Amino acid sequence: MSLIKWSPFRPAKRVSTLWDFGDELERLLERPFGWRYSGFTPAVDLLDRGDHLTVKAELPGLDKKDIHVSLEDDVLTIRGELKRDKEVKEEDYYCCERSYGSFARSISLPTRVEAEETKASYKDGVLEINLTKAKEARPKEIEVKVA
């Protein structure tokens, strides 16, 4: 992959989704002023597994002691800090695209969960959280007898 110099006269790509809009906005803010948005937002999957929900978050490069998970009013919050390996003088950089710093990601859960039964594990840069649905929120199968 090669770096392409930004030109204000280059036509902007067509914005077709909200994600594209966010990418385009970041592109516009990032390059004219020579700075890059340094925020880190982990990619998250939320899966419904019947009697429980599973949340998977990509957190590459983090140590598990730097990850904090909380649950309040059916909102799951993942916080952490991505630390820089070592200090490098600005003039030594050729290119720097990795983000560092604190982050927080909150996810509104689609159903009530039992906070006491929540379990989390972290392996190979992926945080997996299993949340047991509250009894009243679990799917119920009712058998209908045909006469």
C-alpha atoms as a PDB file:
ATOM      1  CA  MET A   1       0.000   0.000   0.000  1.00  0.00           C
ATOM      2  CA  SER A   2       1.352   3.425  -0.847  1.00  0.00           C
ATOM      3  CA  LEU A   3       0.582   6.770   0.721  1.00  0.00           C
ATOM      4  CA  ILE A   4      -1.396   9.121  -1.495  1.00  0.00           C
ATOM      5  CA  LYS A   5      -1.030  12.846  -1.033  1.00  0.00           C
ATOM      6  CA  TRP A   6      -4.314  14.561  -0.253  1.00  0.00           C
ATOM      7  CA  SER A   7      -5.564  17.174  -2.644  1.00  0.00           C
ATOM      8  CA  PRO A   8      -8.472  19.503  -1.884  1.00  0.00           C
ATOM      9  CA  PHE A   9      -9.287  19.437  -5.607  1.00  0.00           C
ATOM     10  CA  ARG A  10      -9.670  15.669  -5.771  1.00  0.00           C
ATOM     11  CA  PRO A  11     -13.359  14.814  -5.975  1.00  0.00           C
ATOM     12  CA  ALA A  12     -14.708  13.268  -2.802  1.00  0.00           C
ATOM     13  CA  LYS A  13     -15.989   9.742  -3.041  1.00  0.00           C
ATOM     14  CA  ARG A  14     -19.719   9.256  -3.005  1.00  0.00           C
ATOM     15  CA  VAL A  15     -21.057   8.901   0.538  1.00  0.00           C
ATOM     16  CA  SER A  16     -23.514   6.015   0.642  1.00  0.00           C
ATOM     17  CA  THR A  17     -23.660   5.006   4.311  1.00  0.00           C
ATOM     18  CA  LEU A  18     -23.199   6.577   7.699  1.00  0.00           C
ATOM     19  CA  TRP A  19     -19.840   4.764   7.985  1.00  0.00           C
ATOM     20  CA  ASP A  20     -18.722   6.296   4.677  1.00  0.00           C
ATOM     21  CA  PHE A  21     -19.795   9.708   5.968  1.00  0.00           C
ATOM     22  CA  GLY A  22     -17.685   9.216   9.116  1.00  0.00           C
ATOM     23  CA  ASP A  23     -14.673   8.131   7.046  1.00  0.00           C
ATOM     24  CA  GLU A  24     -15.081  11.116   4.741  1.00  0.00           C
ATOM     25  CA  LEU A  25     -15.413  13.543   7.662  1.00  0.00           C
ATOM     26  CA  GLU A  26     -12.285  12.110   9.293  1.00  0.00           C
ATOM     27  CA  ARG A  27     -10.440  12.408   5.983  1.00  0.00           C
ATOM     28  CA  LEU A  28     -11.418  16.063   5.666  1.00  0.00           C
ATOM     29  CA  LEU A  29     -10.382  16.917   9.224  1.00  0.00           C
ATOM     30  CA  GLU A  30      -7.252  14.823   9.315  1.00  0.00           C
ATOM     31  CA  ARG A  31      -5.177  15.908   6.372  1.00  0.00           C
ATOM     32  CA  PRO A  32      -5.557  19.683   5.889  1.00  0.00           C
ATOM     33  CA  PHE A  33      -4.315  20.389   9.403  1.00  0.00           C
ATOM     34  CA  GLY A  34      -1.718  17.618   9.539  1.00  0.00           C
ATOM     35  CA  TRP A  35      -3.282  15.827  12.486  1.00  0.00           C
ATOM     36  CA  ARG A  36      -5.120  12.577  12.829  1.00  0.00           C
ATOM     37  CA  TYR A  37      -8.103  11.837  15.038  1.00  0.00           C
ATOM     38  CA  SER A  38      -6.439   9.792  17.751  1.00  0.00           C
ATOM     39  CA  GLY A  39      -9.518   8.125  19.166  1.00  0.00           C
ATOM     40  CA  PHE A  40      -9.685   4.357  19.277  1.00  0.00           C
ATOM     41  CA  THR A  41     -13.059   2.672  19.076  1.00  0.00           C
ATOM     42  CA  PRO A  42     -13.043  -1.106  19.235  1.00  0.00           C
ATOM     43  CA  ALA A  43     -15.081  -3.067  16.695  1.00  0.00           C
ATOM     44  CA  VAL A  44     -17.884  -4.928  18.478  1.00  0.00           C
ATOM     45  CA  ASP A  45     -20.197  -7.839  17.606  1.00  0.00           C
ATOM     46  CA  LEU A  46     -23.398  -8.427  19.609  1.00  0.00           C
ATOM     47  CA  LEU A  47     -24.924 -11.893  19.211  1.00  0.00           C
ATOM     48  CA  ASP A  48     -28.225 -13.269  20.531  1.00  0.00           C
ATOM     49  CA  ARG A  49     -27.692 -16.884  21.625  1.00  0.00           C
ATOM     50  CA  GLY A  50     -31.231 -17.636  22.871  1.00  0.00           C
ATOM     51  CA  ASP A  51     -30.827 -17.606  26.652  1.00  0.00           C
ATOM     52  CA  HIS A  52     -27.796 -15.309  26.635  1.00  0.00           C
ATOM     53  CA  LEU A  53     -26.102 -12.494  24.693  1.00  0.00           C
ATOM     54  CA  THR A  54     -22.479 -12.598  23.571  1.00  0.00           C
ATOM     55  CA  VAL A  55     -20.428  -9.467  22.975  1.00  0.00           C
ATOM     56  CA  LYS A  56     -17.089  -9.765  21.175  1.00  0.00           C
ATOM     57  CA  ALA A  57     -14.792  -6.739  21.032  1.00  0.00           C
ATOM     58  CA  GLU A  58     -11.510  -6.438  19.126  1.00  0.00           C
ATOM     59  CA  LEU A  59      -8.880  -4.985  21.464  1.00  0.00           C
ATOM     60  CA  PRO A  60      -5.531  -5.736  19.816  1.00  0.00           C
ATOM     61  CA  GLY A  61      -2.425  -4.778  21.717  1.00  0.00           C
ATOM     62  CA  LEU A  62      -4.126  -4.331  25.094  1.00  0.00           C
ATOM     63  CA  ASP A  63      -3.141  -6.103  28.268  1.00  0.00           C
ATOM     64  CA  LYS A  64      -6.126  -7.550  30.140  1.00  0.00           C
ATOM     65  CA  LYS A  65      -5.260  -5.438  33.196  1.00  0.00           C
ATOM     66  CA  ASP A  66      -5.951  -2.332  31.057  1.00  0.00           C
ATOM     67  CA  ILE A  67      -9.534  -3.441  30.189  1.00  0.00           C
ATOM     68  CA  HIS A  68     -12.520  -2.589  32.411  1.00  0.00           C
ATOM     69  CA  VAL A  69     -16.087  -3.806  31.807  1.00  0.00           C
ATOM     70  CA  SER A  70     -19.164  -2.445  33.586  1.00  0.00           C
ATOM     71  CA  LEU A  71     -22.918  -2.977  33.296  1.00  0.00           C
ATOM     72  CA  GLU A  72     -25.473  -0.398  34.390  1.00  0.00           C
ATOM     73  CA  ASP A  73     -29.153  -0.212  33.422  1.00  0.00           C
ATOM     74  CA  ASP A  74     -28.707  -2.645  30.502  1.00  0.00           C
ATOM     75  CA  VAL A  75     -25.841  -0.598  29.068  1.00  0.00           C
ATOM     76  CA  LEU A  76     -22.544  -2.459  28.758  1.00  0.00           C
ATOM     77  CA  THR A  77     -19.446  -0.244  28.848  1.00  0.00           C
ATOM     78  CA  ILE A  78     -15.961  -1.350  27.837  1.00  0.00           C
ATOM     79  CA  ARG A  79     -13.135   0.987  28.857  1.00  0.00           C
ATOM     80  CA  GLY A  80      -9.428   0.709  28.409  1.00  0.00           C
ATOM     81  CA  GLU A  81      -6.175   2.331  27.549  1.00  0.00           C
ATOM     82  CA  LEU A  82      -3.936   1.535  24.614  1.00  0.00           C
ATOM     83  CA  LYS A  83      -0.404   2.441  25.665  1.00  0.00           C
ATOM     84  CA  ARG A  84       2.484   3.414  23.441  1.00  0.00           C
ATOM     85  CA  ASP A  85       5.385   0.929  23.417  1.00  0.00           C
ATOM     86  CA  LYS A  86       8.056   3.561  24.021  1.00  0.00           C
ATOM     87  CA  GLU A  87       8.660   7.234  23.513  1.00  0.00           C
ATOM     88  CA  VAL A  88       9.965   8.179  20.082  1.00  0.00           C
ATOM     89  CA  LYS A  89      11.085  11.653  19.094  1.00  0.00           C
ATOM     90  CA  GLU A  90       8.796  13.341  16.562  1.00  0.00           C
ATOM     91  CA  GLU A  91      11.585  13.774  14.011  1.00  0.00           C
ATOM     92  CA  ASP A  92      12.221  10.004  14.002  1.00  0.00           C
ATOM     93  CA  TYR A  93       8.773   9.246  12.587  1.00  0.00           C
ATOM     94  CA  TYR A  94       8.343   8.461   8.918  1.00  0.00           C
ATOM     95  CA  CYS A  95       4.690   7.589   9.307  1.00  0.00           C
ATOM     96  CA  CYS A  96       2.521   7.065  12.401  1.00  0.00           C
ATOM     97  CA  GLU A  97      -1.016   5.697  11.991  1.00  0.00           C
ATOM     98  CA  ARG A  98      -1.528   3.705  15.205  1.00  0.00           C
ATOM     99  CA  SER A  99      -3.771   5.249  17.854  1.00  0.00           C
ATOM    100  CA  TYR A 100      -2.962   5.452  21.544  1.00  0.00           C
ATOM    101  CA  GLY A 101      -4.871   6.622  24.567  1.00  0.00           C
ATOM    102  CA  SER A 102      -8.000   5.899  26.545  1.00  0.00           C
ATOM    103  CA  PHE A 103     -11.264   4.720  25.034  1.00  0.00           C
ATOM    104  CA  ALA A 104     -14.778   3.882  26.164  1.00  0.00           C
ATOM    105  CA  ARG A 105     -17.445   2.048  24.187  1.00  0.00           C
ATOM    106  CA  SER A 106     -21.026   1.758  25.487  1.00  0.00           C
ATOM    107  CA  ILE A 107     -23.537  -0.671  24.019  1.00  0.00           C
ATOM    108  CA  SER A 108     -27.261  -0.570  24.766  1.00  0.00           C
ATOM    109  CA  LEU A 109     -28.340  -4.167  25.241  1.00  0.00           C
ATOM    110  CA  PRO A 110     -31.563  -5.216  23.483  1.00  0.00           C
ATOM    111  CA  THR A 111     -32.899  -6.998  26.587  1.00  0.00           C
ATOM    112  CA  ARG A 112     -32.496  -7.165  30.350  1.00  0.00           C
ATOM    113  CA  VAL A 113     -29.637  -9.310  31.655  1.00  0.00           C
ATOM    114  CA  GLU A 114     -28.549 -10.840  34.970  1.00  0.00           C
ATOM    115  CA  ALA A 115     -25.498  -8.770  35.966  1.00  0.00           C
ATOM    116  CA  GLU A 116     -24.359 -11.325  38.566  1.00  0.00           C
ATOM    117  CA  GLU A 117     -24.047 -14.062  35.932  1.00  0.00           C
ATOM    118  CA  THR A 118     -21.941 -12.058  33.471  1.00  0.00           C
ATOM    119  CA  LYS A 119     -18.641 -13.688  32.486  1.00  0.00           C
ATOM    120  CA  ALA A 120     -15.797 -12.234  30.433  1.00  0.00           C
ATOM    121  CA  SER A 121     -12.628 -13.664  28.887  1.00  0.00           C
ATOM    122  CA  TYR A 122      -9.803 -12.105  26.887  1.00  0.00           C
ATOM    123  CA  LYS A 123      -7.640 -14.049  24.455  1.00  0.00           C
ATOM    124  CA  ASP A 124      -5.622 -13.114  21.353  1.00  0.00           C
ATOM    125  CA  GLY A 125      -6.848  -9.515  21.348  1.00  0.00           C
ATOM    126  CA  VAL A 126     -10.559 -10.425  21.518  1.00  0.00           C
ATOM    127  CA  LEU A 127     -12.681  -9.705  24.589  1.00  0.00           C
ATOM    128  CA  GLU A 128     -15.703 -12.013  24.856  1.00  0.00           C
ATOM    129  CA  ILE A 129     -18.497 -11.195  27.309  1.00  0.00           C
ATOM    130  CA  ASN A 130     -21.378 -13.610  27.963  1.00  0.00           C
ATOM    131  CA  LEU A 131     -24.488 -12.037  29.498  1.00  0.00           C
ATOM    132  CA  THR A 132     -27.308 -14.255  30.733  1.00  0.00           C
ATOM    133  CA  LYS A 133     -30.724 -12.886  29.813  1.00  0.00           C
ATOM    134  CA  ALA A 134     -33.112 -12.151  32.661  1.00  0.00           C
ATOM    135  CA  LYS A 135     -35.675 -14.930  33.087  1.00  0.00           C
ATOM    136  CA  GLU A 136     -38.556 -12.752  31.885  1.00  0.00           C
ATOM    137  CA  ALA A 137     -36.578 -11.820  28.739  1.00  0.00           C
ATOM    138  CA  ARG A 138     -35.708 -15.381  27.660  1.00  0.00           C
ATOM    139  CA  PRO A 139     -37.579 -16.822  24.703  1.00  0.00           C
ATOM    140  CA  LYS A 140     -40.423 -19.111  25.697  1.00  0.00           C
ATOM    141  CA  GLU A 141     -41.807 -21.849  23.535  1.00  0.00           C
ATOM    142  CA  ILE A 142     -45.467 -22.577  23.994  1.00  0.00           C
ATOM    143  CA  GLU A 143     -46.784 -25.778  22.473  1.00  0.00           C
ATOM    144  CA  VAL A 144     -50.158 -25.403  20.836  1.00  0.00           C
ATOM    145  CA  LYS A 145     -52.154 -28.606  20.624  1.00  0.00           C
ATOM    146  CA  VAL A 146     -54.325 -29.012  17.563  1.00  0.00           C
ATOM    147  CA  ALA A 147     -57.641 -30.756  18.256  1.00  0.00           C
END
